[in-house]
Every structure is written in structure tokens, then in C-alpha cells.
Amino acid sequence: MLVADVMTSPAVSIRRGAPLEEAIQLLGAARISALPVVDAELRVVGIVSEADILREPLPRDPRAHLWPPEAIVRRDLTVDDVMTDDTVCVTAHTDCSDVALALADTGWKSMPVVEDGHLVGMVSRSDILRSLAVPDEITTQAVLGAFAAAGHPEWVAVVRSGHVTVDPPVTDLGEAALATASTVPGVRSVQLGSPAEDPDHEAGPER
């Protein structure tokens, strides 16, 4: 899958210099974990996340402490004060497998999607997970549709928990069948061969 297949577009964003309170309201209303910060030309200049905001001190509740809470001096913060400005972005043509690894390794929850530096969407861990939770019946129809669009409606696919087996094997065009099925959102792996009764059985080359 490519990022274009799963990303959220258009993305909720916030302008550079906006009050931090505006970012808090946007994050809460949209129920998202991060906001890309953009300039007047919608170029990504940073990102502000829940974690960035929570680093700012919150007033202590006296019910949880044995001493009166200290007064917090409030400042007129903007998103520029708390955002991360070395933002890592991806493009719509980035492979979702690469994005999934990056999100898992860094602990980030989402990444901006850009085209020529301009924000076009956001891709999150939830977006990728939802794409993997497609029912097998829907994935089967999508794979068969992709085969038909490729000019091979005679190819047959069996889908189990997102794992696709092209059956019967297409020995002369096996690589083409594998590549075609691999482009369908929701597909977790593709192989050639007859599926066994054991759903964990693997036969033939797999991708």
C-alpha cells in the first residue's frame, strides 16, 4: 500500500504564530494527536503534538497535595514556542510499510504528507491499522477488481485474514499477479499456490 491509499486528506493544520490555545482546541475537537504547523503558503514548518503541549506546566490540584499549589505565571504562548521544527514528512507515494516502521521505531503517532513541501494530508498509526482490518470479503473483491483492471479477470484469489493466495498458481505471470495484488489496501501478504486447510500454511514465494 502507498500512503495515498490510507492517508487523511485534507489534514487539520494550524498557522505559524497561532495561539497555543487554538492548537489545544483543534486537537481536542478533531481528536487527533498532532497538528502540522504551516506558513502562509501551506508549507510545513513544524508540528505540535499532545506531548509538546503537556510539557507546559498545568495548575496543581490542591486535593492531590498536602501543600497549597504554587501560582503558575501564564504566558501568551504560540505554537512556535512548543512545536518541533525539524519535522519528518512523507509523500503520498511512500510505501506504508516504511511509514509503519518509522512510526513504530520513533513512537510518533502520525506524520505529515507533503507534495513539493506543501501539506496534502496526514498519515497515522490508526490509518494504517484500519487498512489492515478490512474484511476478507471486501479485500477479495478489491483484489479480483485489480486483476480485471490489469487485463486478467481469469486470475483467482483466496484471502484469509488479509493474506492473499493466487489460486491456481499463475506460473507464467506469477510475479505480475503478486505485484498486482500487493497494491490493494488491506493486503498483508501475497503468495502463489493452493491454500491449505491450515490457515498458517505457506506455499510458494511470498511478498
N, C-alpha and C. Protein backbone atom coordinates (compact mmCIF):
# COMPACT_ATOMS: atom_id res chain seq x y z
N MET A 1 0.84 -1.19 0.00
CA MET A 1 0.00 0.00 0.00
C MET A 1 0.88 1.24 0.00
N LEU A 2 0.38 2.28 -0.62
CA LEU A 2 1.04 3.57 -0.57
C LEU A 2 0.32 4.47 0.42
N VAL A 3 1.01 5.50 0.88
CA VAL A 3 0.40 6.45 1.81
C VAL A 3 -0.87 7.04 1.24
N ALA A 4 -0.90 7.27 -0.08
CA ALA A 4 -2.08 7.84 -0.72
C ALA A 4 -3.32 6.99 -0.50
N ASP A 5 -3.13 5.67 -0.28
CA ASP A 5 -4.27 4.77 -0.11
C ASP A 5 -4.92 4.89 1.26
N VAL A 6 -4.19 5.41 2.25
CA VAL A 6 -4.71 5.38 3.62
C VAL A 6 -4.73 6.74 4.31
N MET A 7 -4.05 7.74 3.78
CA MET A 7 -3.89 9.00 4.49
C MET A 7 -5.21 9.75 4.64
N THR A 8 -5.23 10.64 5.62
CA THR A 8 -6.36 11.54 5.83
C THR A 8 -6.08 12.84 5.10
N SER A 9 -6.98 13.22 4.21
CA SER A 9 -6.78 14.43 3.41
C SER A 9 -8.13 15.10 3.15
N PRO A 10 -8.24 16.41 3.32
CA PRO A 10 -7.18 17.33 3.76
C PRO A 10 -6.88 17.17 5.25
N ALA A 11 -5.72 17.62 5.65
CA ALA A 11 -5.31 17.49 7.05
C ALA A 11 -5.71 18.74 7.83
N VAL A 12 -6.01 18.55 9.10
CA VAL A 12 -6.22 19.67 10.00
C VAL A 12 -4.85 20.26 10.32
N SER A 13 -4.68 21.55 10.15
CA SER A 13 -3.39 22.19 10.39
C SER A 13 -3.60 23.51 11.12
N ILE A 14 -2.51 24.14 11.48
CA ILE A 14 -2.57 25.43 12.18
C ILE A 14 -1.46 26.32 11.64
N ARG A 15 -1.73 27.62 11.58
CA ARG A 15 -0.76 28.55 11.03
C ARG A 15 0.33 28.88 12.04
N ARG A 16 1.51 29.13 11.54
CA ARG A 16 2.63 29.57 12.38
C ARG A 16 2.23 30.87 13.09
N GLY A 17 2.56 30.97 14.38
CA GLY A 17 2.24 32.16 15.15
C GLY A 17 0.89 32.13 15.82
N ALA A 18 0.11 31.08 15.56
CA ALA A 18 -1.22 30.98 16.17
C ALA A 18 -1.10 30.75 17.67
N PRO A 19 -2.08 31.23 18.46
CA PRO A 19 -2.03 30.99 19.90
C PRO A 19 -2.04 29.50 20.22
N LEU A 20 -1.31 29.13 21.26
CA LEU A 20 -1.27 27.73 21.66
C LEU A 20 -2.66 27.25 22.04
N GLU A 21 -3.48 28.12 22.59
CA GLU A 21 -4.84 27.74 22.97
C GLU A 21 -5.62 27.27 21.75
N GLU A 22 -5.37 27.88 20.60
CA GLU A 22 -6.05 27.46 19.37
C GLU A 22 -5.66 26.03 19.00
N ALA A 23 -4.40 25.70 19.17
CA ALA A 23 -3.95 24.33 18.89
C ALA A 23 -4.60 23.34 19.84
N ILE A 24 -4.72 23.72 21.12
CA ILE A 24 -5.35 22.83 22.09
C ILE A 24 -6.79 22.56 21.69
N GLN A 25 -7.50 23.60 21.29
CA GLN A 25 -8.90 23.44 20.90
C GLN A 25 -9.04 22.57 19.65
N LEU A 26 -8.14 22.75 18.68
CA LEU A 26 -8.20 21.96 17.45
C LEU A 26 -7.90 20.49 17.73
N LEU A 27 -6.88 20.22 18.54
CA LEU A 27 -6.54 18.83 18.86
C LEU A 27 -7.69 18.14 19.58
N GLY A 28 -8.31 18.86 20.50
CA GLY A 28 -9.42 18.27 21.24
C GLY A 28 -10.65 18.04 20.39
N ALA A 29 -10.99 19.02 19.55
CA ALA A 29 -12.19 18.92 18.73
C ALA A 29 -12.07 17.84 17.67
N ALA A 30 -10.88 17.75 17.05
CA ALA A 30 -10.68 16.78 15.96
C ALA A 30 -10.26 15.42 16.47
N ARG A 31 -9.96 15.31 17.77
CA ARG A 31 -9.50 14.06 18.37
C ARG A 31 -8.31 13.48 17.63
N ILE A 32 -7.33 14.34 17.42
CA ILE A 32 -6.09 13.93 16.77
C ILE A 32 -4.94 14.18 17.73
N SER A 33 -3.79 13.60 17.45
CA SER A 33 -2.66 13.67 18.38
C SER A 33 -1.61 14.70 17.98
N ALA A 34 -1.67 15.23 16.76
CA ALA A 34 -0.66 16.19 16.31
C ALA A 34 -1.22 17.09 15.23
N LEU A 35 -0.69 18.30 15.18
CA LEU A 35 -1.10 19.28 14.18
C LEU A 35 0.11 19.75 13.40
N PRO A 36 0.10 19.64 12.07
CA PRO A 36 1.17 20.27 11.29
C PRO A 36 1.05 21.79 11.41
N VAL A 37 2.19 22.45 11.55
CA VAL A 37 2.23 23.91 11.56
C VAL A 37 2.69 24.37 10.18
N VAL A 38 1.91 25.24 9.54
CA VAL A 38 2.21 25.65 8.17
C VAL A 38 2.38 27.16 8.08
N ASP A 39 3.08 27.58 7.04
CA ASP A 39 3.21 29.02 6.79
C ASP A 39 2.10 29.49 5.87
N ALA A 40 2.20 30.71 5.39
CA ALA A 40 1.14 31.28 4.56
C ALA A 40 0.96 30.54 3.24
N GLU A 41 1.99 29.82 2.80
CA GLU A 41 1.92 29.07 1.55
C GLU A 41 1.62 27.59 1.78
N LEU A 42 1.20 27.26 3.02
CA LEU A 42 0.86 25.90 3.42
C LEU A 42 2.06 24.95 3.35
N ARG A 43 3.24 25.50 3.52
CA ARG A 43 4.43 24.66 3.64
C ARG A 43 4.61 24.27 5.10
N VAL A 44 4.95 23.02 5.32
CA VAL A 44 5.10 22.52 6.69
C VAL A 44 6.38 23.09 7.30
N VAL A 45 6.24 23.78 8.43
CA VAL A 45 7.39 24.36 9.12
C VAL A 45 7.59 23.74 10.51
N GLY A 46 6.68 22.88 10.92
CA GLY A 46 6.80 22.25 12.22
C GLY A 46 5.60 21.40 12.52
N ILE A 47 5.58 20.82 13.70
CA ILE A 47 4.44 20.02 14.13
C ILE A 47 4.30 20.18 15.65
N VAL A 48 3.07 20.32 16.11
CA VAL A 48 2.82 20.43 17.53
C VAL A 48 1.95 19.25 17.95
N SER A 49 2.42 18.53 18.96
CA SER A 49 1.75 17.31 19.38
C SER A 49 1.17 17.46 20.78
N GLU A 50 0.39 16.45 21.17
CA GLU A 50 -0.13 16.41 22.54
C GLU A 50 1.01 16.49 23.54
N ALA A 51 2.08 15.76 23.28
CA ALA A 51 3.22 15.73 24.19
C ALA A 51 3.86 17.10 24.33
N ASP A 52 3.96 17.84 23.20
CA ASP A 52 4.53 19.19 23.25
C ASP A 52 3.73 20.08 24.20
N ILE A 53 2.42 19.98 24.12
CA ILE A 53 1.55 20.82 24.95
C ILE A 53 1.61 20.40 26.41
N LEU A 54 1.65 19.09 26.64
CA LEU A 54 1.63 18.60 28.02
C LEU A 54 2.95 18.87 28.75
N ARG A 55 3.99 19.27 28.02
CA ARG A 55 5.24 19.65 28.68
C ARG A 55 5.10 20.98 29.40
N GLU A 56 4.12 21.79 28.96
CA GLU A 56 3.86 23.06 29.65
C GLU A 56 3.19 22.76 30.99
N PRO A 57 3.59 23.45 32.07
CA PRO A 57 3.05 23.13 33.39
C PRO A 57 1.56 23.41 33.49
N LEU A 58 0.84 22.49 34.12
CA LEU A 58 -0.58 22.64 34.39
C LEU A 58 -0.76 23.00 35.87
N PRO A 59 -1.83 23.70 36.22
CA PRO A 59 -2.05 24.02 37.63
C PRO A 59 -2.27 22.76 38.45
N ARG A 60 -1.67 22.69 39.64
CA ARG A 60 -1.82 21.54 40.52
C ARG A 60 -3.15 21.61 41.26
N ASP A 61 -3.75 20.46 41.44
CA ASP A 61 -5.00 20.38 42.19
C ASP A 61 -4.66 20.20 43.68
N PRO A 62 -5.11 21.13 44.52
CA PRO A 62 -4.76 21.03 45.95
C PRO A 62 -5.29 19.78 46.61
N ARG A 63 -6.29 19.13 46.02
CA ARG A 63 -6.83 17.92 46.62
C ARG A 63 -5.83 16.76 46.54
N ALA A 64 -4.86 16.86 45.65
CA ALA A 64 -3.89 15.78 45.47
C ALA A 64 -2.58 16.05 46.19
N HIS A 65 -2.49 17.18 46.88
CA HIS A 65 -1.23 17.56 47.50
C HIS A 65 -1.47 18.04 48.93
N LEU A 66 -0.42 17.99 49.74
CA LEU A 66 -0.51 18.41 51.13
C LEU A 66 -0.16 19.87 51.32
N TRP A 67 0.16 20.56 50.24
CA TRP A 67 0.51 21.97 50.35
C TRP A 67 -0.23 22.75 49.27
N PRO A 68 -0.46 24.03 49.51
CA PRO A 68 -1.18 24.85 48.52
C PRO A 68 -0.40 24.88 47.21
N PRO A 69 -1.07 24.82 46.11
CA PRO A 69 -0.37 24.86 44.82
C PRO A 69 0.26 26.21 44.56
N GLU A 70 1.41 26.17 43.90
CA GLU A 70 2.06 27.42 43.52
C GLU A 70 1.34 28.03 42.34
N ALA A 71 1.28 29.35 42.35
CA ALA A 71 0.64 30.04 41.23
C ALA A 71 1.52 29.89 39.99
N ILE A 72 0.89 29.64 38.88
CA ILE A 72 1.61 29.49 37.62
C ILE A 72 1.48 30.79 36.83
N VAL A 73 2.61 31.34 36.45
CA VAL A 73 2.60 32.56 35.64
C VAL A 73 2.29 32.19 34.21
N ARG A 74 1.15 32.61 33.73
CA ARG A 74 0.75 32.26 32.37
C ARG A 74 1.43 33.19 31.37
N ARG A 75 1.79 32.63 30.26
CA ARG A 75 2.37 33.42 29.17
C ARG A 75 1.49 33.28 27.95
N ASP A 76 1.58 34.22 27.08
CA ASP A 76 0.84 34.15 25.81
C ASP A 76 1.65 33.31 24.83
N LEU A 77 1.57 32.01 24.99
CA LEU A 77 2.34 31.10 24.16
C LEU A 77 1.71 30.97 22.78
N THR A 78 2.56 30.73 21.80
CA THR A 78 2.10 30.40 20.45
C THR A 78 2.60 29.00 20.10
N VAL A 79 2.11 28.48 19.01
CA VAL A 79 2.57 27.15 18.60
C VAL A 79 4.07 27.13 18.31
N ASP A 80 4.63 28.28 17.93
CA ASP A 80 6.06 28.36 17.65
C ASP A 80 6.90 28.08 18.89
N ASP A 81 6.33 28.37 20.08
CA ASP A 81 7.06 28.18 21.32
C ASP A 81 7.23 26.72 21.69
N VAL A 82 6.35 25.87 21.22
CA VAL A 82 6.38 24.46 21.67
C VAL A 82 6.55 23.46 20.54
N MET A 83 6.40 23.88 19.29
CA MET A 83 6.40 22.92 18.17
C MET A 83 7.78 22.33 17.95
N THR A 84 7.80 21.18 17.30
CA THR A 84 9.03 20.57 16.81
C THR A 84 9.24 21.07 15.39
N ASP A 85 10.37 21.71 15.14
CA ASP A 85 10.54 22.33 13.82
C ASP A 85 11.33 21.49 12.82
N ASP A 86 11.94 20.39 13.28
CA ASP A 86 12.65 19.51 12.34
C ASP A 86 11.72 18.35 11.97
N THR A 87 10.59 18.70 11.39
CA THR A 87 9.54 17.72 11.12
C THR A 87 9.95 16.76 10.00
N VAL A 88 9.71 15.48 10.24
CA VAL A 88 9.94 14.45 9.22
C VAL A 88 8.62 14.24 8.47
N CYS A 89 8.66 14.44 7.18
CA CYS A 89 7.45 14.29 6.35
C CYS A 89 7.61 13.14 5.37
N VAL A 90 6.50 12.68 4.84
CA VAL A 90 6.50 11.65 3.80
C VAL A 90 5.69 12.17 2.62
N THR A 91 5.74 11.45 1.51
CA THR A 91 4.93 11.82 0.35
C THR A 91 3.82 10.79 0.16
N ALA A 92 2.88 11.13 -0.69
CA ALA A 92 1.76 10.22 -0.95
C ALA A 92 2.22 8.92 -1.60
N HIS A 93 3.42 8.93 -2.20
CA HIS A 93 3.93 7.75 -2.88
C HIS A 93 4.85 6.91 -2.00
N THR A 94 5.00 7.28 -0.74
CA THR A 94 5.81 6.49 0.18
C THR A 94 5.10 5.18 0.51
N ASP A 95 5.87 4.11 0.62
CA ASP A 95 5.30 2.80 0.96
C ASP A 95 4.86 2.79 2.42
N CYS A 96 3.65 2.32 2.68
CA CYS A 96 3.12 2.28 4.05
C CYS A 96 3.97 1.41 4.97
N SER A 97 4.64 0.41 4.42
CA SER A 97 5.50 -0.44 5.26
C SER A 97 6.64 0.38 5.84
N ASP A 98 7.18 1.33 5.07
CA ASP A 98 8.25 2.19 5.58
C ASP A 98 7.72 3.14 6.65
N VAL A 99 6.52 3.66 6.43
CA VAL A 99 5.91 4.57 7.40
C VAL A 99 5.62 3.83 8.70
N ALA A 100 5.09 2.61 8.59
CA ALA A 100 4.76 1.83 9.78
C ALA A 100 6.02 1.59 10.62
N LEU A 101 7.13 1.27 9.97
CA LEU A 101 8.38 1.04 10.70
C LEU A 101 8.85 2.32 11.38
N ALA A 102 8.73 3.46 10.66
CA ALA A 102 9.17 4.73 11.23
C ALA A 102 8.33 5.10 12.45
N LEU A 103 7.02 4.91 12.36
CA LEU A 103 6.14 5.23 13.48
C LEU A 103 6.42 4.32 14.67
N ALA A 104 6.67 3.05 14.39
CA ALA A 104 6.96 2.11 15.48
C ALA A 104 8.31 2.41 16.13
N ASP A 105 9.32 2.74 15.34
CA ASP A 105 10.66 2.97 15.88
C ASP A 105 10.76 4.27 16.66
N THR A 106 10.02 5.30 16.22
CA THR A 106 10.13 6.62 16.86
C THR A 106 9.11 6.85 17.96
N GLY A 107 8.01 6.09 17.93
CA GLY A 107 6.94 6.34 18.88
C GLY A 107 5.99 7.42 18.44
N TRP A 108 6.23 8.01 17.25
CA TRP A 108 5.30 9.02 16.74
C TRP A 108 3.96 8.38 16.43
N LYS A 109 2.90 9.17 16.49
CA LYS A 109 1.57 8.67 16.18
C LYS A 109 1.14 9.02 14.76
N SER A 110 1.75 10.02 14.16
CA SER A 110 1.36 10.42 12.81
C SER A 110 2.49 11.20 12.15
N MET A 111 2.40 11.35 10.82
CA MET A 111 3.39 12.09 10.06
C MET A 111 2.68 12.92 8.99
N PRO A 112 3.16 14.15 8.72
CA PRO A 112 2.58 14.95 7.65
C PRO A 112 2.92 14.36 6.28
N VAL A 113 1.98 14.52 5.36
CA VAL A 113 2.19 14.10 3.97
C VAL A 113 2.30 15.36 3.12
N VAL A 114 3.37 15.48 2.36
CA VAL A 114 3.60 16.70 1.60
C VAL A 114 3.82 16.40 0.12
N GLU A 115 3.58 17.42 -0.66
CA GLU A 115 3.90 17.40 -2.09
C GLU A 115 4.59 18.71 -2.41
N ASP A 116 5.86 18.65 -2.81
CA ASP A 116 6.67 19.85 -3.03
C ASP A 116 6.69 20.72 -1.78
N GLY A 117 6.71 20.09 -0.62
CA GLY A 117 6.78 20.82 0.63
C GLY A 117 5.45 21.30 1.17
N HIS A 118 4.39 21.21 0.35
CA HIS A 118 3.07 21.69 0.76
C HIS A 118 2.28 20.55 1.39
N LEU A 119 1.58 20.86 2.46
CA LEU A 119 0.80 19.86 3.19
C LEU A 119 -0.38 19.38 2.35
N VAL A 120 -0.52 18.05 2.20
CA VAL A 120 -1.65 17.48 1.47
C VAL A 120 -2.43 16.49 2.32
N GLY A 121 -1.88 16.10 3.49
CA GLY A 121 -2.60 15.15 4.33
C GLY A 121 -1.77 14.74 5.53
N MET A 122 -2.32 13.81 6.30
CA MET A 122 -1.63 13.21 7.45
C MET A 122 -1.83 11.71 7.38
N VAL A 123 -0.82 10.96 7.79
CA VAL A 123 -0.93 9.51 7.88
C VAL A 123 -0.59 9.11 9.30
N SER A 124 -1.43 8.30 9.91
CA SER A 124 -1.26 7.94 11.31
C SER A 124 -1.19 6.43 11.49
N ARG A 125 -0.82 6.02 12.70
CA ARG A 125 -0.83 4.60 13.02
C ARG A 125 -2.24 4.04 12.87
N SER A 126 -3.23 4.84 13.28
CA SER A 126 -4.62 4.38 13.17
C SER A 126 -5.04 4.19 11.72
N ASP A 127 -4.58 5.08 10.82
CA ASP A 127 -4.90 4.94 9.40
C ASP A 127 -4.39 3.60 8.86
N ILE A 128 -3.15 3.26 9.22
CA ILE A 128 -2.56 2.03 8.71
C ILE A 128 -3.24 0.81 9.32
N LEU A 129 -3.53 0.87 10.62
CA LEU A 129 -4.19 -0.25 11.27
C LEU A 129 -5.58 -0.48 10.70
N ARG A 130 -6.31 0.61 10.43
CA ARG A 130 -7.65 0.45 9.84
C ARG A 130 -7.58 -0.21 8.48
N SER A 131 -6.53 0.10 7.71
CA SER A 131 -6.40 -0.51 6.38
C SER A 131 -6.15 -2.01 6.48
N LEU A 132 -5.58 -2.46 7.61
CA LEU A 132 -5.32 -3.89 7.78
C LEU A 132 -6.52 -4.63 8.33
N ALA A 133 -7.54 -3.89 8.76
CA ALA A 133 -8.71 -4.52 9.38
C ALA A 133 -9.88 -4.66 8.40
N VAL A 134 -9.59 -4.57 7.11
CA VAL A 134 -10.65 -4.71 6.10
C VAL A 134 -11.14 -6.16 6.07
N PRO A 135 -12.45 -6.40 6.05
CA PRO A 135 -12.96 -7.78 5.97
C PRO A 135 -12.44 -8.49 4.73
N ASP A 136 -12.21 -9.80 4.86
CA ASP A 136 -11.66 -10.57 3.75
C ASP A 136 -12.52 -10.51 2.51
N GLU A 137 -13.85 -10.44 2.69
CA GLU A 137 -14.75 -10.40 1.53
C GLU A 137 -14.49 -9.14 0.69
N ILE A 138 -14.28 -8.02 1.39
CA ILE A 138 -14.03 -6.77 0.66
C ILE A 138 -12.66 -6.81 0.00
N THR A 139 -11.67 -7.34 0.72
CA THR A 139 -10.33 -7.44 0.14
C THR A 139 -10.33 -8.35 -1.09
N THR A 140 -11.07 -9.45 -1.02
CA THR A 140 -11.15 -10.37 -2.15
C THR A 140 -11.70 -9.66 -3.38
N GLN A 141 -12.79 -8.93 -3.21
CA GLN A 141 -13.38 -8.22 -4.34
C GLN A 141 -12.41 -7.17 -4.89
N ALA A 142 -11.68 -6.51 -4.01
CA ALA A 142 -10.73 -5.50 -4.46
C ALA A 142 -9.58 -6.14 -5.24
N VAL A 143 -9.10 -7.29 -4.78
CA VAL A 143 -8.02 -7.98 -5.49
C VAL A 143 -8.50 -8.45 -6.86
N LEU A 144 -9.68 -9.05 -6.90
CA LEU A 144 -10.22 -9.50 -8.19
C LEU A 144 -10.45 -8.33 -9.13
N GLY A 145 -10.88 -7.20 -8.58
CA GLY A 145 -11.04 -6.00 -9.40
C GLY A 145 -9.72 -5.51 -9.95
N ALA A 146 -8.66 -5.59 -9.14
CA ALA A 146 -7.33 -5.19 -9.61
C ALA A 146 -6.84 -6.12 -10.71
N PHE A 147 -7.12 -7.44 -10.55
CA PHE A 147 -6.75 -8.39 -11.60
C PHE A 147 -7.47 -8.06 -12.91
N ALA A 148 -8.77 -7.77 -12.80
CA ALA A 148 -9.55 -7.46 -14.00
C ALA A 148 -9.03 -6.19 -14.67
N ALA A 149 -8.70 -5.17 -13.85
CA ALA A 149 -8.19 -3.93 -14.40
C ALA A 149 -6.84 -4.14 -15.08
N ALA A 150 -6.08 -5.16 -14.60
CA ALA A 150 -4.79 -5.47 -15.21
C ALA A 150 -4.93 -6.33 -16.46
N GLY A 151 -6.18 -6.68 -16.81
CA GLY A 151 -6.43 -7.47 -18.01
C GLY A 151 -6.42 -8.96 -17.79
N HIS A 152 -6.55 -9.39 -16.51
CA HIS A 152 -6.53 -10.82 -16.21
C HIS A 152 -7.68 -11.19 -15.28
N PRO A 153 -8.92 -11.10 -15.77
CA PRO A 153 -10.06 -11.46 -14.92
C PRO A 153 -10.10 -12.95 -14.58
N GLU A 154 -9.29 -13.76 -15.26
CA GLU A 154 -9.28 -15.20 -15.01
C GLU A 154 -8.47 -15.56 -13.76
N TRP A 155 -7.66 -14.64 -13.25
CA TRP A 155 -6.90 -14.93 -12.04
C TRP A 155 -7.84 -15.03 -10.84
N VAL A 156 -7.57 -15.98 -9.97
CA VAL A 156 -8.42 -16.21 -8.80
C VAL A 156 -7.60 -15.96 -7.54
N ALA A 157 -8.23 -15.36 -6.54
CA ALA A 157 -7.53 -15.08 -5.28
C ALA A 157 -8.33 -15.60 -4.10
N VAL A 158 -7.63 -16.16 -3.13
CA VAL A 158 -8.24 -16.58 -1.87
C VAL A 158 -7.61 -15.73 -0.77
N VAL A 159 -8.44 -15.11 0.07
CA VAL A 159 -7.95 -14.20 1.11
C VAL A 159 -8.30 -14.75 2.48
N ARG A 160 -7.30 -14.85 3.34
CA ARG A 160 -7.50 -15.26 4.72
C ARG A 160 -6.80 -14.28 5.63
N SER A 161 -7.59 -13.53 6.41
CA SER A 161 -7.04 -12.54 7.36
C SER A 161 -6.09 -11.57 6.66
N GLY A 162 -6.45 -11.19 5.44
CA GLY A 162 -5.64 -10.23 4.69
C GLY A 162 -4.49 -10.83 3.92
N HIS A 163 -4.23 -12.16 4.09
CA HIS A 163 -3.16 -12.84 3.37
C HIS A 163 -3.74 -13.46 2.11
N VAL A 164 -3.18 -13.12 0.97
CA VAL A 164 -3.75 -13.49 -0.33
C VAL A 164 -2.95 -14.64 -0.95
N THR A 165 -3.67 -15.63 -1.45
CA THR A 165 -3.07 -16.70 -2.24
C THR A 165 -3.71 -16.68 -3.62
N VAL A 166 -2.88 -16.57 -4.64
CA VAL A 166 -3.36 -16.62 -6.02
C VAL A 166 -3.50 -18.09 -6.39
N ASP A 167 -4.74 -18.51 -6.64
CA ASP A 167 -5.04 -19.93 -6.82
C ASP A 167 -6.00 -20.10 -8.00
N PRO A 168 -5.69 -20.93 -8.99
CA PRO A 168 -4.47 -21.73 -9.06
C PRO A 168 -3.26 -20.86 -9.42
N PRO A 169 -2.05 -21.37 -9.16
CA PRO A 169 -0.87 -20.58 -9.44
C PRO A 169 -0.79 -20.15 -10.90
N VAL A 170 -0.38 -18.94 -11.10
CA VAL A 170 -0.19 -18.41 -12.45
C VAL A 170 1.31 -18.47 -12.72
N THR A 171 1.77 -19.60 -13.20
CA THR A 171 3.21 -19.85 -13.27
C THR A 171 3.93 -18.92 -14.24
N ASP A 172 3.26 -18.58 -15.35
CA ASP A 172 3.95 -17.75 -16.33
C ASP A 172 3.88 -16.27 -16.00
N LEU A 173 2.88 -15.86 -15.23
CA LEU A 173 2.73 -14.46 -14.87
C LEU A 173 2.68 -14.29 -13.35
N GLY A 174 3.36 -15.17 -12.66
CA GLY A 174 3.29 -15.15 -11.20
C GLY A 174 3.74 -13.84 -10.59
N GLU A 175 4.85 -13.29 -11.06
CA GLU A 175 5.35 -12.04 -10.49
C GLU A 175 4.37 -10.90 -10.72
N ALA A 176 3.73 -10.90 -11.90
CA ALA A 176 2.75 -9.85 -12.20
C ALA A 176 1.54 -9.97 -11.27
N ALA A 177 1.11 -11.20 -11.00
CA ALA A 177 -0.02 -11.40 -10.10
C ALA A 177 0.33 -10.95 -8.69
N LEU A 178 1.52 -11.30 -8.23
CA LEU A 178 1.97 -10.87 -6.91
C LEU A 178 2.00 -9.35 -6.80
N ALA A 179 2.58 -8.71 -7.81
CA ALA A 179 2.71 -7.25 -7.78
C ALA A 179 1.35 -6.58 -7.80
N THR A 180 0.42 -7.11 -8.61
CA THR A 180 -0.91 -6.51 -8.71
C THR A 180 -1.67 -6.62 -7.40
N ALA A 181 -1.67 -7.79 -6.80
CA ALA A 181 -2.38 -7.99 -5.54
C ALA A 181 -1.76 -7.17 -4.42
N SER A 182 -0.45 -6.96 -4.47
CA SER A 182 0.24 -6.24 -3.39
C SER A 182 -0.16 -4.77 -3.33
N THR A 183 -0.75 -4.23 -4.40
CA THR A 183 -1.13 -2.82 -4.41
C THR A 183 -2.47 -2.56 -3.74
N VAL A 184 -3.20 -3.61 -3.39
CA VAL A 184 -4.56 -3.45 -2.86
C VAL A 184 -4.52 -3.15 -1.36
N PRO A 185 -5.16 -2.06 -0.92
CA PRO A 185 -5.22 -1.76 0.52
C PRO A 185 -5.85 -2.91 1.29
N GLY A 186 -5.27 -3.25 2.42
CA GLY A 186 -5.78 -4.34 3.24
C GLY A 186 -5.03 -5.64 3.05
N VAL A 187 -4.25 -5.74 1.98
CA VAL A 187 -3.47 -6.96 1.72
C VAL A 187 -2.22 -6.94 2.59
N ARG A 188 -2.00 -8.02 3.34
CA ARG A 188 -0.87 -8.10 4.25
C ARG A 188 0.27 -8.93 3.68
N SER A 189 -0.03 -9.89 2.83
CA SER A 189 1.00 -10.66 2.14
C SER A 189 0.34 -11.31 0.93
N VAL A 190 1.18 -11.71 -0.04
CA VAL A 190 0.69 -12.36 -1.26
C VAL A 190 1.60 -13.53 -1.57
N GLN A 191 1.01 -14.65 -1.99
CA GLN A 191 1.80 -15.81 -2.37
C GLN A 191 1.10 -16.55 -3.50
N LEU A 192 1.86 -17.35 -4.19
CA LEU A 192 1.33 -18.21 -5.23
C LEU A 192 1.18 -19.62 -4.68
N GLY A 193 0.13 -20.32 -5.07
CA GLY A 193 -0.05 -21.70 -4.64
C GLY A 193 -1.46 -21.95 -4.19
N SER A 194 -1.79 -23.22 -3.95
CA SER A 194 -3.12 -23.60 -3.49
C SER A 194 -3.16 -23.51 -1.97
N PRO A 195 -4.10 -22.75 -1.40
CA PRO A 195 -4.17 -22.61 0.05
C PRO A 195 -4.50 -23.94 0.72
N ALA A 196 -3.80 -24.25 1.80
CA ALA A 196 -4.06 -25.47 2.55
C ALA A 196 -5.17 -25.22 3.56
N GLU A 197 -5.66 -26.29 4.16
CA GLU A 197 -6.70 -26.15 5.17
C GLU A 197 -6.18 -25.38 6.38
N ASP A 198 -4.90 -25.56 6.68
CA ASP A 198 -4.30 -24.83 7.78
C ASP A 198 -4.09 -23.39 7.37
N PRO A 199 -4.74 -22.41 8.01
CA PRO A 199 -4.61 -21.02 7.59
C PRO A 199 -3.21 -20.47 7.76
N ASP A 200 -2.35 -21.13 8.55
CA ASP A 200 -0.99 -20.64 8.72
C ASP A 200 -0.04 -21.24 7.69
N HIS A 201 -0.58 -22.14 6.84
CA HIS A 201 0.26 -22.79 5.85
C HIS A 201 0.71 -21.78 4.81
N GLU A 202 1.98 -21.88 4.40
CA GLU A 202 2.50 -21.00 3.37
C GLU A 202 3.02 -21.87 2.23
N ALA A 203 2.74 -21.43 1.02
CA ALA A 203 3.23 -22.19 -0.14
C ALA A 203 3.74 -21.22 -1.19
N GLY A 204 4.89 -21.54 -1.74
CA GLY A 204 5.40 -20.75 -2.84
C GLY A 204 6.04 -19.46 -2.36
N PRO A 205 6.55 -18.64 -3.28
CA PRO A 205 7.19 -17.37 -2.93
C PRO A 205 6.16 -16.42 -2.34
N GLU A 206 6.60 -15.67 -1.36
CA GLU A 206 5.68 -14.74 -0.68
C GLU A 206 6.26 -13.34 -0.67
N ARG A 207 5.34 -12.35 -0.66
CA ARG A 207 5.75 -10.96 -0.56
C ARG A 207 5.08 -10.31 0.61
